[in-house]
């Protein structure tokens, strides 16, 4: 194996471990975890056997394996961006609901106005 292959495989393993370790306690969907693991496995295969990527690129009608990898990364980046955006929107909604609940809980009843002070 070439040094760059070893470094890339180590990077993929570290990313995989970080993802599984830090997202195991959150409400990450199982499908997202499975998709990420598959993506990382495919990354390792692409590093070890780049000729397989070139073969797959020819099968699906893309000129080169590097182009196929670029297209796959574009789709993965789009997915990650949308996923992050949706999570932030969900957090915004949660914070707004929390702020409303705190405001309602801390609200005071209006003081009664007696007729002497109103006149």
Protein backbone atom coordinates (compact mmCIF):
# COMPACT_ATOMS: atom_id res chain seq x y z
CA UNK A 1 0.00 0.00 0.00
CA UNK A 2 1.13 3.51 -0.75
CA UNK A 3 1.49 6.03 2.09
CA UNK A 4 -1.38 8.19 0.84
CA UNK A 5 -3.70 5.17 0.89
CA UNK A 6 -2.81 4.46 4.50
CA UNK A 7 -3.34 8.10 5.48
CA UNK A 8 -6.69 8.28 3.70
CA UNK A 9 -7.93 5.05 5.27
CA UNK A 10 -6.88 6.27 8.72
CA UNK A 11 -8.75 9.54 8.10
CA UNK A 12 -11.89 7.62 7.12
CA UNK A 13 -11.66 5.41 10.21
CA UNK A 14 -11.22 8.45 12.48
CA UNK A 15 -14.22 10.20 10.90
CA UNK A 16 -16.30 7.06 11.27
CA UNK A 17 -15.36 6.63 14.93
CA UNK A 18 -16.05 10.29 15.71
CA UNK A 19 -19.43 10.13 14.00
CA UNK A 20 -20.54 6.94 15.70
CA UNK A 21 -19.20 8.03 19.08
CA UNK A 22 -20.72 11.51 19.20
CA UNK A 23 -23.97 10.78 17.39
CA UNK A 24 -24.83 7.60 19.25
CA UNK A 25 -26.64 9.50 21.98
CA UNK A 26 -28.57 11.94 19.80
CA UNK A 27 -31.72 11.34 17.84
CA UNK A 28 -29.85 10.63 14.65
CA UNK A 29 -31.92 8.40 12.42
CA UNK A 30 -30.62 4.89 11.87
CA UNK A 31 -30.78 5.46 8.11
CA UNK A 32 -28.36 8.38 8.38
CA UNK A 33 -25.93 6.28 10.40
CA UNK A 34 -26.14 3.38 7.97
CA UNK A 35 -25.70 5.74 5.02
CA UNK A 36 -22.65 7.32 6.60
CA UNK A 37 -21.06 3.96 7.36
CA UNK A 38 -21.68 2.79 3.78
CA UNK A 39 -20.22 6.03 2.45
CA UNK A 40 -17.09 5.50 4.54
CA UNK A 41 -16.77 1.86 3.45
CA UNK A 42 -17.04 2.95 -0.19
CA UNK A 43 -14.38 5.58 0.47
CA UNK A 44 -11.99 2.91 1.75
CA UNK A 45 -12.75 0.68 -1.26
CA UNK A 46 -12.13 3.63 -3.60
CA UNK A 47 -8.77 4.26 -1.94
CA UNK A 48 -7.69 0.61 -2.05
CA UNK A 49 -9.11 -0.23 -5.50
CA UNK A 50 -9.39 2.94 -7.61
CA UNK A 51 -9.72 0.81 -10.77
CA UNK A 52 -13.10 -0.41 -9.44
CA UNK A 53 -14.30 3.19 -9.32
CA UNK A 54 -13.17 3.70 -12.91
CA UNK A 55 -15.00 0.53 -13.95
CA UNK A 56 -18.17 1.65 -12.16
CA UNK A 57 -17.90 5.06 -13.81
CA UNK A 58 -17.83 3.42 -17.24
CA UNK A 59 -20.83 1.24 -16.33
CA UNK A 60 -22.98 4.21 -15.28
CA UNK A 61 -21.85 6.35 -18.22
CA UNK A 62 -19.38 8.73 -16.55
CA UNK A 63 -16.06 9.22 -18.28
CA UNK A 64 -13.65 8.76 -15.38
CA UNK A 65 -13.69 7.43 -11.86
CA UNK A 66 -12.58 10.79 -10.49
CA UNK A 67 -15.62 12.43 -12.09
CA UNK A 68 -17.89 9.82 -10.50
CA UNK A 69 -16.29 10.50 -7.12
CA UNK A 70 -16.81 14.23 -7.59
CA UNK A 71 -20.48 13.73 -8.42
CA UNK A 72 -20.91 11.51 -5.38
CA UNK A 73 -19.24 14.10 -3.15
CA UNK A 74 -21.49 16.83 -4.53
CA UNK A 75 -24.56 14.78 -3.63
CA UNK A 76 -23.14 13.96 -0.18
CA UNK A 77 -22.36 17.63 0.44
CA UNK A 78 -25.88 18.61 -0.60
CA UNK A 79 -27.32 16.02 1.78
CA UNK A 80 -25.11 17.21 4.64
CA UNK A 81 -26.03 20.83 4.00
CA UNK A 82 -29.76 20.16 3.95
CA UNK A 83 -29.50 17.93 7.01
CA UNK A 84 -27.65 20.67 8.93
CA UNK A 85 -30.16 23.31 7.81
CA UNK A 86 -33.12 21.19 8.94
CA UNK A 87 -31.50 20.54 12.31
CA UNK A 88 -30.92 24.24 12.88
CA UNK A 89 -34.53 25.00 11.96
CA UNK A 90 -35.69 22.36 14.45
CA UNK A 91 -33.48 23.87 17.16
CA UNK A 92 -34.84 27.36 16.41
CA UNK A 93 -38.38 26.06 16.83
CA UNK A 94 -37.47 24.34 20.11
CA UNK A 95 -35.86 27.51 21.48
CA UNK A 96 -38.88 29.58 20.49
CA UNK A 97 -41.24 27.15 22.22
CA UNK A 98 -39.03 27.11 25.30
CA UNK A 99 -38.90 30.92 25.42
CA UNK A 100 -42.70 31.09 25.11
CA UNK A 101 -43.18 28.55 27.90
CA UNK A 102 -40.80 30.44 30.19
CA UNK A 103 -42.51 33.75 29.39
CA UNK A 104 -45.96 32.32 30.06
CA UNK A 105 -44.86 30.65 33.29
CA UNK A 106 -43.27 33.86 34.57
CA UNK A 107 -46.12 36.14 33.54
CA UNK A 108 -47.98 37.98 36.26
CA UNK A 109 -51.70 38.45 36.36
CA UNK A 110 -52.78 42.01 35.58
CA UNK A 111 -53.49 44.13 38.62
CA UNK A 112 -57.15 44.81 39.23
CA UNK A 113 -58.17 48.36 38.70
CA UNK A 114 -60.47 49.70 41.33
CA UNK A 115 -62.93 52.42 40.42
CA UNK A 116 -61.35 55.03 42.73
CA UNK A 117 -57.96 54.97 41.02
CA UNK A 118 -59.44 54.71 37.54
CA UNK A 119 -61.45 57.93 37.92
